[in-house]
Amino acid sequence: MLDASRLKTPKTPMFRGLAAIALIAAAAVPAAALAHHSYAMFDNAKTITISGTIRTWEMTNPHSYLWVVVPKDGAAAEIWGLEGGGIQSLQRAGITKSAVKPGEKVKVEIHPLRDGRTGGRLMRITLADGRVIGGGGGAGAAPGAAALD
């Protein structure tokens, strides 16, 4: 027969310790998720346009990355790393890996990195034929354009 007096109850030190650990863990998970999804490293008040050639598009989770080779007058070309949404969000918006191809010429609107490195938050891609991919989903987004972030 089960001895109810041996069960851990809210009055025992062990139960209180386990409850405290569970509470701390539960509080830490949302904080970690919010920190991961922060856009603080980007200057969201500033939008710039870069022109270059697609090096590669990595459609991965939790974020996609578009790598663009940007020529510089009298200097070596720069490689810009641009962060976009994950696979599911891009696919829901109708954007596939074949939307852009290595070697294509593009103009890309981004929110640049605050620290001045060659990177940013991907907002919109304009292909050489004039087609637009993305719109960022925020203020200034093209009507009907699918989000890239």
N, C-alpha and C. Protein backbone atom coordinates (compact mmCIF):
# COMPACT_ATOMS: atom_id res chain seq x y z
N MET A 1 0.84 -1.18 0.00
CA MET A 1 0.00 0.00 0.00
C MET A 1 0.89 1.25 0.00
N LEU A 2 0.42 2.29 -0.63
CA LEU A 2 1.15 3.55 -0.73
C LEU A 2 1.09 4.32 0.57
N ASP A 3 2.27 4.72 1.07
CA ASP A 3 2.35 5.51 2.29
C ASP A 3 2.34 6.98 1.92
N ALA A 4 1.20 7.64 2.08
CA ALA A 4 1.03 9.04 1.68
C ALA A 4 1.95 9.98 2.43
N SER A 5 2.42 9.58 3.58
CA SER A 5 3.29 10.47 4.35
C SER A 5 4.66 10.62 3.71
N ARG A 6 5.03 9.73 2.77
CA ARG A 6 6.35 9.78 2.13
C ARG A 6 6.34 10.61 0.83
N LEU A 7 5.17 11.00 0.36
CA LEU A 7 5.08 11.79 -0.86
C LEU A 7 5.64 13.19 -0.64
N LYS A 8 6.27 13.74 -1.69
CA LYS A 8 6.80 15.10 -1.61
C LYS A 8 5.63 16.07 -1.74
N THR A 9 5.52 16.97 -0.80
CA THR A 9 4.44 17.96 -0.81
C THR A 9 5.05 19.35 -0.82
N PRO A 10 4.25 20.36 -1.08
CA PRO A 10 4.77 21.73 -1.11
C PRO A 10 5.43 22.17 0.20
N LYS A 11 5.27 21.39 1.26
CA LYS A 11 5.86 21.79 2.54
C LYS A 11 7.28 21.24 2.72
N THR A 12 7.71 20.30 1.88
CA THR A 12 9.03 19.71 2.06
C THR A 12 10.10 20.54 1.35
N PRO A 13 11.32 20.59 1.91
CA PRO A 13 12.40 21.36 1.29
C PRO A 13 12.73 20.89 -0.13
N MET A 14 12.68 19.60 -0.38
CA MET A 14 13.00 19.09 -1.71
C MET A 14 11.99 19.60 -2.74
N PHE A 15 10.71 19.57 -2.40
CA PHE A 15 9.68 20.06 -3.32
C PHE A 15 9.89 21.53 -3.61
N ARG A 16 10.17 22.32 -2.57
CA ARG A 16 10.39 23.76 -2.76
C ARG A 16 11.60 24.01 -3.65
N GLY A 17 12.66 23.23 -3.48
CA GLY A 17 13.85 23.39 -4.31
C GLY A 17 13.56 23.06 -5.77
N LEU A 18 12.84 21.97 -6.01
CA LEU A 18 12.48 21.60 -7.38
C LEU A 18 11.55 22.65 -8.00
N ALA A 19 10.64 23.15 -7.22
CA ALA A 19 9.72 24.18 -7.72
C ALA A 19 10.50 25.45 -8.10
N ALA A 20 11.48 25.81 -7.29
CA ALA A 20 12.28 27.00 -7.58
C ALA A 20 13.08 26.81 -8.86
N ILE A 21 13.66 25.63 -9.05
CA ILE A 21 14.42 25.36 -10.27
C ILE A 21 13.50 25.41 -11.50
N ALA A 22 12.31 24.82 -11.39
CA ALA A 22 11.36 24.84 -12.50
C ALA A 22 10.93 26.26 -12.83
N LEU A 23 10.71 27.07 -11.82
CA LEU A 23 10.30 28.46 -12.04
C LEU A 23 11.41 29.26 -12.74
N ILE A 24 12.64 29.07 -12.31
CA ILE A 24 13.77 29.77 -12.93
C ILE A 24 13.92 29.34 -14.38
N ALA A 25 13.81 28.03 -14.64
CA ALA A 25 13.95 27.53 -16.01
C ALA A 25 12.82 28.07 -16.89
N ALA A 26 11.61 28.09 -16.37
CA ALA A 26 10.47 28.60 -17.14
C ALA A 26 10.63 30.08 -17.46
N ALA A 27 11.22 30.84 -16.56
CA ALA A 27 11.44 32.27 -16.80
C ALA A 27 12.57 32.50 -17.79
N ALA A 28 13.55 31.61 -17.81
CA ALA A 28 14.71 31.79 -18.68
C ALA A 28 14.40 31.50 -20.15
N VAL A 29 13.52 30.57 -20.43
CA VAL A 29 13.24 30.18 -21.81
C VAL A 29 12.69 31.35 -22.64
N PRO A 30 11.65 32.06 -22.20
CA PRO A 30 11.17 33.19 -23.01
C PRO A 30 12.21 34.29 -23.16
N ALA A 31 13.01 34.52 -22.13
CA ALA A 31 14.04 35.55 -22.22
C ALA A 31 15.07 35.19 -23.28
N ALA A 32 15.45 33.91 -23.33
CA ALA A 32 16.41 33.47 -24.34
C ALA A 32 15.81 33.59 -25.73
N ALA A 33 14.55 33.25 -25.88
CA ALA A 33 13.90 33.36 -27.19
C ALA A 33 13.83 34.81 -27.64
N LEU A 34 13.51 35.71 -26.74
CA LEU A 34 13.44 37.13 -27.11
C LEU A 34 14.82 37.65 -27.46
N ALA A 35 15.83 37.25 -26.72
CA ALA A 35 17.19 37.71 -27.01
C ALA A 35 17.64 37.21 -28.37
N HIS A 36 17.29 35.98 -28.70
CA HIS A 36 17.68 35.42 -30.00
C HIS A 36 17.03 36.19 -31.15
N HIS A 37 15.81 36.62 -30.97
CA HIS A 37 15.08 37.27 -32.04
C HIS A 37 15.18 38.79 -32.00
N SER A 38 16.17 39.29 -31.32
CA SER A 38 16.37 40.73 -31.26
C SER A 38 16.96 41.24 -32.57
N TYR A 39 16.51 42.40 -32.99
CA TYR A 39 17.07 43.06 -34.17
C TYR A 39 17.91 44.25 -33.75
N ALA A 40 18.38 44.26 -32.50
CA ALA A 40 19.12 45.39 -31.97
C ALA A 40 20.44 45.63 -32.70
N MET A 41 21.02 44.61 -33.30
CA MET A 41 22.31 44.80 -33.97
C MET A 41 22.17 45.54 -35.29
N PHE A 42 20.93 45.68 -35.78
CA PHE A 42 20.68 46.39 -37.03
C PHE A 42 20.20 47.80 -36.76
N ASP A 43 20.56 48.73 -37.63
CA ASP A 43 20.06 50.11 -37.52
C ASP A 43 18.74 50.16 -38.27
N ASN A 44 17.65 49.83 -37.56
CA ASN A 44 16.33 49.75 -38.19
C ASN A 44 15.77 51.10 -38.60
N ALA A 45 16.41 52.17 -38.18
CA ALA A 45 15.96 53.51 -38.58
C ALA A 45 16.61 53.92 -39.90
N LYS A 46 17.54 53.13 -40.37
CA LYS A 46 18.29 53.47 -41.57
C LYS A 46 18.14 52.35 -42.61
N THR A 47 17.82 52.73 -43.84
CA THR A 47 17.75 51.77 -44.94
C THR A 47 18.73 52.21 -46.01
N ILE A 48 19.59 51.28 -46.43
CA ILE A 48 20.53 51.57 -47.51
C ILE A 48 20.32 50.56 -48.63
N THR A 49 20.78 50.90 -49.81
CA THR A 49 20.71 50.00 -50.96
C THR A 49 22.13 49.68 -51.40
N ILE A 50 22.40 48.40 -51.54
CA ILE A 50 23.69 47.97 -52.08
C ILE A 50 23.43 47.27 -53.41
N SER A 51 24.39 47.35 -54.31
CA SER A 51 24.29 46.70 -55.62
C SER A 51 25.46 45.75 -55.77
N GLY A 52 25.17 44.57 -56.28
CA GLY A 52 26.24 43.60 -56.46
C GLY A 52 25.76 42.34 -57.14
N THR A 53 26.52 41.28 -56.93
CA THR A 53 26.26 39.99 -57.54
C THR A 53 26.03 38.95 -56.44
N ILE A 54 25.00 38.13 -56.62
CA ILE A 54 24.71 37.09 -55.64
C ILE A 54 25.86 36.10 -55.60
N ARG A 55 26.38 35.87 -54.41
CA ARG A 55 27.39 34.83 -54.21
C ARG A 55 26.69 33.52 -53.87
N THR A 56 25.79 33.57 -52.89
CA THR A 56 25.00 32.40 -52.51
C THR A 56 23.83 32.82 -51.64
N TRP A 57 22.81 31.98 -51.62
CA TRP A 57 21.65 32.17 -50.74
C TRP A 57 21.55 30.91 -49.90
N GLU A 58 21.71 31.06 -48.59
CA GLU A 58 21.61 29.94 -47.67
C GLU A 58 20.23 29.98 -47.01
N MET A 59 19.34 29.11 -47.45
CA MET A 59 18.03 29.02 -46.81
C MET A 59 18.14 28.00 -45.69
N THR A 60 18.32 28.51 -44.48
CA THR A 60 18.51 27.67 -43.31
C THR A 60 17.60 28.17 -42.19
N ASN A 61 17.55 27.41 -41.12
CA ASN A 61 16.82 27.84 -39.93
C ASN A 61 17.83 28.10 -38.84
N PRO A 62 17.66 29.09 -38.03
CA PRO A 62 16.45 29.89 -37.91
C PRO A 62 16.42 31.10 -38.84
N HIS A 63 17.53 31.36 -39.56
CA HIS A 63 17.57 32.51 -40.46
C HIS A 63 18.17 32.11 -41.80
N SER A 64 17.81 32.83 -42.84
CA SER A 64 18.46 32.64 -44.13
C SER A 64 19.54 33.71 -44.26
N TYR A 65 20.50 33.43 -45.13
CA TYR A 65 21.58 34.40 -45.36
C TYR A 65 21.80 34.55 -46.85
N LEU A 66 21.80 35.79 -47.29
CA LEU A 66 22.11 36.13 -48.67
C LEU A 66 23.49 36.77 -48.66
N TRP A 67 24.40 36.22 -49.48
CA TRP A 67 25.75 36.75 -49.57
C TRP A 67 25.89 37.45 -50.91
N VAL A 68 26.26 38.73 -50.87
CA VAL A 68 26.35 39.56 -52.07
C VAL A 68 27.76 40.14 -52.18
N VAL A 69 28.35 40.01 -53.37
CA VAL A 69 29.66 40.59 -53.65
C VAL A 69 29.42 41.99 -54.20
N VAL A 70 29.91 43.00 -53.49
CA VAL A 70 29.68 44.40 -53.84
C VAL A 70 31.01 45.01 -54.30
N PRO A 71 31.09 45.43 -55.58
CA PRO A 71 32.34 46.03 -56.07
C PRO A 71 32.58 47.40 -55.44
N LYS A 72 33.84 47.73 -55.25
CA LYS A 72 34.23 49.04 -54.70
C LYS A 72 35.21 49.68 -55.68
N ASP A 73 35.01 50.98 -55.95
CA ASP A 73 35.91 51.71 -56.85
C ASP A 73 37.33 51.68 -56.32
N GLY A 74 38.26 51.15 -57.12
CA GLY A 74 39.67 51.16 -56.77
C GLY A 74 40.05 50.30 -55.58
N ALA A 75 39.16 49.43 -55.15
CA ALA A 75 39.46 48.57 -53.99
C ALA A 75 38.89 47.18 -54.25
N ALA A 76 39.29 46.25 -53.42
CA ALA A 76 38.76 44.89 -53.53
C ALA A 76 37.26 44.89 -53.23
N ALA A 77 36.54 44.01 -53.90
CA ALA A 77 35.10 43.89 -53.66
C ALA A 77 34.85 43.47 -52.21
N GLU A 78 33.71 43.88 -51.68
CA GLU A 78 33.31 43.50 -50.32
C GLU A 78 32.25 42.42 -50.41
N ILE A 79 32.26 41.53 -49.44
CA ILE A 79 31.22 40.51 -49.35
C ILE A 79 30.31 40.90 -48.20
N TRP A 80 29.03 41.10 -48.54
CA TRP A 80 28.03 41.49 -47.56
C TRP A 80 27.20 40.27 -47.17
N GLY A 81 27.02 40.07 -45.87
CA GLY A 81 26.18 39.00 -45.34
C GLY A 81 24.88 39.59 -44.84
N LEU A 82 23.76 39.15 -45.43
CA LEU A 82 22.45 39.73 -45.13
C LEU A 82 21.53 38.68 -44.54
N GLU A 83 20.96 38.98 -43.39
CA GLU A 83 20.12 38.04 -42.67
C GLU A 83 18.65 38.22 -43.01
N GLY A 84 18.00 37.11 -43.33
CA GLY A 84 16.56 37.12 -43.62
C GLY A 84 15.83 36.11 -42.75
N GLY A 85 14.59 35.86 -43.08
CA GLY A 85 13.77 34.93 -42.32
C GLY A 85 14.19 33.49 -42.53
N GLY A 86 13.61 32.61 -41.73
CA GLY A 86 13.87 31.18 -41.84
C GLY A 86 13.11 30.56 -43.00
N ILE A 87 13.38 29.28 -43.23
CA ILE A 87 12.81 28.57 -44.36
C ILE A 87 11.28 28.64 -44.37
N GLN A 88 10.65 28.33 -43.24
CA GLN A 88 9.19 28.29 -43.21
C GLN A 88 8.56 29.64 -43.53
N SER A 89 9.09 30.70 -42.95
CA SER A 89 8.49 32.01 -43.21
C SER A 89 8.69 32.42 -44.67
N LEU A 90 9.83 32.10 -45.24
CA LEU A 90 10.06 32.42 -46.66
C LEU A 90 9.14 31.60 -47.56
N GLN A 91 9.02 30.30 -47.26
CA GLN A 91 8.16 29.45 -48.09
C GLN A 91 6.69 29.87 -47.99
N ARG A 92 6.25 30.25 -46.79
CA ARG A 92 4.86 30.73 -46.64
C ARG A 92 4.63 31.97 -47.49
N ALA A 93 5.68 32.76 -47.69
CA ALA A 93 5.57 33.98 -48.50
C ALA A 93 5.79 33.68 -49.98
N GLY A 94 6.02 32.39 -50.32
CA GLY A 94 6.20 32.01 -51.71
C GLY A 94 7.62 32.19 -52.23
N ILE A 95 8.58 32.37 -51.32
CA ILE A 95 9.97 32.58 -51.71
C ILE A 95 10.72 31.26 -51.57
N THR A 96 11.38 30.83 -52.65
CA THR A 96 12.10 29.58 -52.65
C THR A 96 13.60 29.82 -52.85
N LYS A 97 14.38 28.77 -52.67
CA LYS A 97 15.83 28.89 -52.86
C LYS A 97 16.17 29.30 -54.28
N SER A 98 15.32 28.95 -55.24
CA SER A 98 15.59 29.29 -56.64
C SER A 98 15.16 30.71 -57.00
N ALA A 99 14.66 31.48 -56.02
CA ALA A 99 14.22 32.85 -56.30
C ALA A 99 15.39 33.72 -56.76
N VAL A 100 16.57 33.47 -56.23
CA VAL A 100 17.78 34.15 -56.67
C VAL A 100 18.86 33.10 -56.91
N LYS A 101 19.72 33.39 -57.86
CA LYS A 101 20.75 32.42 -58.23
C LYS A 101 22.14 33.07 -58.17
N PRO A 102 23.14 32.27 -57.80
CA PRO A 102 24.51 32.81 -57.81
C PRO A 102 24.83 33.40 -59.18
N GLY A 103 25.49 34.56 -59.16
CA GLY A 103 25.87 35.24 -60.40
C GLY A 103 24.88 36.30 -60.84
N GLU A 104 23.66 36.31 -60.28
CA GLU A 104 22.66 37.32 -60.66
C GLU A 104 23.05 38.68 -60.10
N LYS A 105 22.82 39.72 -60.89
CA LYS A 105 23.02 41.10 -60.45
C LYS A 105 21.77 41.54 -59.70
N VAL A 106 21.95 42.18 -58.56
CA VAL A 106 20.82 42.60 -57.72
C VAL A 106 21.09 43.96 -57.08
N LYS A 107 20.01 44.59 -56.67
CA LYS A 107 20.05 45.73 -55.75
C LYS A 107 19.31 45.25 -54.52
N VAL A 108 19.89 45.48 -53.35
CA VAL A 108 19.31 44.95 -52.12
C VAL A 108 19.14 46.08 -51.11
N GLU A 109 17.92 46.21 -50.58
CA GLU A 109 17.66 47.17 -49.52
C GLU A 109 17.81 46.45 -48.19
N ILE A 110 18.57 47.07 -47.29
CA ILE A 110 18.84 46.47 -45.99
C ILE A 110 18.80 47.51 -44.89
N HIS A 111 18.65 47.02 -43.66
CA HIS A 111 18.94 47.81 -42.47
C HIS A 111 20.36 47.39 -42.10
N PRO A 112 21.34 48.29 -42.21
CA PRO A 112 22.74 47.91 -41.99
C PRO A 112 23.04 47.56 -40.53
N LEU A 113 24.14 46.85 -40.34
CA LEU A 113 24.62 46.59 -38.99
C LEU A 113 25.04 47.90 -38.34
N ARG A 114 24.76 48.04 -37.06
CA ARG A 114 25.10 49.27 -36.34
C ARG A 114 26.61 49.49 -36.23
N ASP A 115 27.37 48.39 -36.21
CA ASP A 115 28.82 48.53 -35.98
C ASP A 115 29.61 48.82 -37.26
N GLY A 116 28.93 48.95 -38.40
CA GLY A 116 29.60 49.33 -39.62
C GLY A 116 30.17 48.19 -40.45
N ARG A 117 30.09 46.96 -39.95
CA ARG A 117 30.57 45.83 -40.75
C ARG A 117 29.67 45.65 -41.97
N THR A 118 30.13 44.88 -42.95
CA THR A 118 29.40 44.69 -44.20
C THR A 118 28.34 43.62 -44.03
N GLY A 119 27.20 44.03 -43.51
CA GLY A 119 26.08 43.11 -43.28
C GLY A 119 24.85 43.89 -42.93
N GLY A 120 23.73 43.18 -42.84
CA GLY A 120 22.50 43.85 -42.47
C GLY A 120 21.31 42.91 -42.48
N ARG A 121 20.16 43.50 -42.18
CA ARG A 121 18.88 42.80 -42.17
C ARG A 121 18.25 42.96 -43.55
N LEU A 122 18.02 41.85 -44.20
CA LEU A 122 17.51 41.81 -45.56
C LEU A 122 16.06 42.29 -45.61
N MET A 123 15.81 43.30 -46.45
CA MET A 123 14.46 43.85 -46.55
C MET A 123 13.83 43.61 -47.92
N ARG A 124 14.59 43.84 -48.99
CA ARG A 124 14.02 43.73 -50.33
C ARG A 124 15.13 43.50 -51.34
N ILE A 125 14.87 42.62 -52.30
CA ILE A 125 15.81 42.34 -53.38
C ILE A 125 15.16 42.76 -54.69
N THR A 126 15.87 43.54 -55.49
CA THR A 126 15.39 43.88 -56.83
C THR A 126 16.33 43.19 -57.82
N LEU A 127 15.75 42.31 -58.63
CA LEU A 127 16.52 41.57 -59.62
C LEU A 127 16.78 42.44 -60.85
N ALA A 128 17.72 42.03 -61.69
CA ALA A 128 18.10 42.80 -62.88
C ALA A 128 16.91 43.01 -63.81
N ASP A 129 15.95 42.07 -63.83
CA ASP A 129 14.78 42.21 -64.70
C ASP A 129 13.68 43.08 -64.09
N GLY A 130 13.93 43.62 -62.89
CA GLY A 130 12.96 44.51 -62.24
C GLY A 130 12.04 43.83 -61.24
N ARG A 131 12.03 42.49 -61.20
CA ARG A 131 11.20 41.80 -60.21
C ARG A 131 11.70 42.10 -58.80
N VAL A 132 10.74 42.24 -57.87
CA VAL A 132 11.08 42.54 -56.49
C VAL A 132 10.71 41.35 -55.62
N ILE A 133 11.65 40.95 -54.78
CA ILE A 133 11.41 39.89 -53.81
C ILE A 133 11.50 40.52 -52.44
N GLY A 134 10.45 40.37 -51.68
CA GLY A 134 10.46 40.88 -50.32
C GLY A 134 9.84 42.24 -50.19
N GLY A 135 9.96 42.75 -49.02
CA GLY A 135 9.37 44.03 -48.68
C GLY A 135 9.53 44.27 -47.21
N GLY A 136 10.00 43.24 -46.51
CA GLY A 136 10.31 43.39 -45.10
C GLY A 136 9.13 43.42 -44.17
N GLY A 137 7.93 43.60 -44.69
CA GLY A 137 6.75 43.56 -43.85
C GLY A 137 6.57 44.79 -42.98
N GLY A 138 7.44 45.76 -43.07
CA GLY A 138 7.34 46.93 -42.21
C GLY A 138 6.95 48.17 -42.98
N ALA A 139 7.16 49.32 -42.37
CA ALA A 139 6.84 50.58 -43.03
C ALA A 139 7.65 50.70 -44.31
N GLY A 140 7.04 51.12 -45.36
CA GLY A 140 7.73 51.29 -46.62
C GLY A 140 7.76 50.03 -47.48
N ALA A 141 7.15 48.97 -46.99
CA ALA A 141 7.14 47.73 -47.76
C ALA A 141 6.28 47.90 -49.01
N ALA A 142 6.72 47.26 -50.07
CA ALA A 142 5.95 47.33 -51.30
C ALA A 142 4.61 46.61 -51.11
N PRO A 143 3.50 47.18 -51.59
CA PRO A 143 2.22 46.51 -51.43
C PRO A 143 2.25 45.14 -52.08
N GLY A 144 1.83 44.14 -51.34
CA GLY A 144 1.78 42.79 -51.86
C GLY A 144 3.11 42.08 -51.87
N ALA A 145 4.19 42.74 -51.47
CA ALA A 145 5.49 42.10 -51.48
C ALA A 145 5.62 41.14 -50.31
N ALA A 146 6.26 40.02 -50.53
CA ALA A 146 6.44 39.02 -49.48
C ALA A 146 7.58 39.44 -48.57
N ALA A 147 7.45 39.11 -47.31
CA ALA A 147 8.47 39.48 -46.33
C ALA A 147 9.71 38.61 -46.46
N LEU A 148 10.89 39.19 -46.21
CA LEU A 148 12.13 38.44 -46.22
C LEU A 148 12.65 38.22 -44.80
N ASP A 149 12.06 38.90 -43.82
CA ASP A 149 12.58 38.75 -42.46
C ASP A 149 11.52 38.27 -41.51
